[in-house]
């Protein structure tokens, strides 16, 4: 890393931060109502997927247990 790179680093960092601030002003942020609604959808989805995978896991576990028992007891 040359001396010019070391000297320009603070200026590049400040420029980058200024660009980020400018972009963040242009972001269309969701309303609090939208945030609550999408959060509720995510939470409900997580619980539904958890229930689905619990059912699938129970079925697969049962089938594998029966297969293992079939071959170990015969």
Protein backbone atom coordinates (compact mmCIF):
# COMPACT_ATOMS: atom_id res chain seq x y z
CA UNK A 1 0.00 0.00 0.00
CA UNK A 2 1.59 3.23 -1.18
CA UNK A 3 1.62 6.55 0.60
CA UNK A 4 -1.03 7.99 -1.75
CA UNK A 5 -3.38 5.15 -0.83
CA UNK A 6 -2.84 5.80 2.88
CA UNK A 7 -3.48 9.52 2.45
CA UNK A 8 -6.61 9.09 0.31
CA UNK A 9 -8.14 6.44 2.58
CA UNK A 10 -9.88 8.91 4.93
CA UNK A 11 -11.28 10.84 1.95
CA UNK A 12 -12.53 7.64 0.28
CA UNK A 13 -14.12 6.52 3.55
CA UNK A 14 -15.88 9.86 4.01
CA UNK A 15 -17.06 9.77 0.38
CA UNK A 16 -18.41 6.24 0.84
CA UNK A 17 -20.28 7.21 4.02
CA UNK A 18 -21.75 10.27 2.27
CA UNK A 19 -22.93 8.04 -0.61
CA UNK A 20 -24.52 5.58 1.83
CA UNK A 21 -26.34 8.44 3.60
CA UNK A 22 -27.65 9.70 0.24
CA UNK A 23 -28.90 6.24 -0.72
CA UNK A 24 -30.56 5.73 2.67
CA UNK A 25 -32.55 8.95 2.15
CA UNK A 26 -33.97 7.50 -1.09
CA UNK A 27 -35.11 4.23 0.52
CA UNK A 28 -38.87 3.90 0.83
CA UNK A 29 -39.23 2.60 4.36
CA UNK A 30 -42.28 0.51 5.32
CA UNK A 31 -44.84 1.93 7.70
CA UNK A 32 -45.11 0.56 11.24
CA UNK A 33 -48.38 -1.13 10.22
CA UNK A 34 -46.65 -2.87 7.31
CA UNK A 35 -43.80 -4.00 9.56
CA UNK A 36 -46.25 -5.52 12.07
CA UNK A 37 -48.25 -7.24 9.32
CA UNK A 38 -45.22 -8.79 7.61
CA UNK A 39 -43.75 -9.80 10.96
CA UNK A 40 -46.99 -11.58 11.83
CA UNK A 41 -46.94 -13.39 8.47
CA UNK A 42 -43.35 -14.53 9.09
CA UNK A 43 -44.11 -15.77 12.61
CA UNK A 44 -47.23 -17.66 11.50
CA UNK A 45 -45.32 -19.14 8.53
CA UNK A 46 -42.51 -20.33 10.79
CA UNK A 47 -44.97 -22.12 13.08
CA UNK A 48 -46.83 -23.69 10.14
CA UNK A 49 -43.59 -24.95 8.61
CA UNK A 50 -42.48 -26.26 12.00
CA UNK A 51 -45.75 -28.19 12.38
CA UNK A 52 -45.47 -29.54 8.82
CA UNK A 53 -41.90 -30.72 9.35
CA UNK A 54 -42.84 -32.26 12.70
CA UNK A 55 -45.53 -34.35 10.95
CA UNK A 56 -43.15 -35.34 8.12
CA UNK A 57 -40.40 -36.17 10.63
CA UNK A 58 -42.77 -38.35 12.66
CA UNK A 59 -43.91 -40.25 9.56
CA UNK A 60 -40.37 -40.75 8.20
CA UNK A 61 -39.12 -41.79 11.64
CA UNK A 62 -41.93 -44.32 11.94
CA UNK A 63 -41.23 -45.79 8.50
CA UNK A 64 -37.48 -46.03 9.11
CA UNK A 65 -38.05 -47.60 12.54
CA UNK A 66 -40.36 -50.22 11.00
CA UNK A 67 -37.81 -51.00 8.28
CA UNK A 68 -34.99 -51.35 10.83
CA UNK A 69 -37.15 -53.52 13.10
CA UNK A 70 -38.19 -55.70 10.14
CA UNK A 71 -34.59 -56.46 9.21
CA UNK A 72 -33.26 -56.83 12.76
CA UNK A 73 -36.01 -59.20 13.97
CA UNK A 74 -36.05 -61.50 10.95
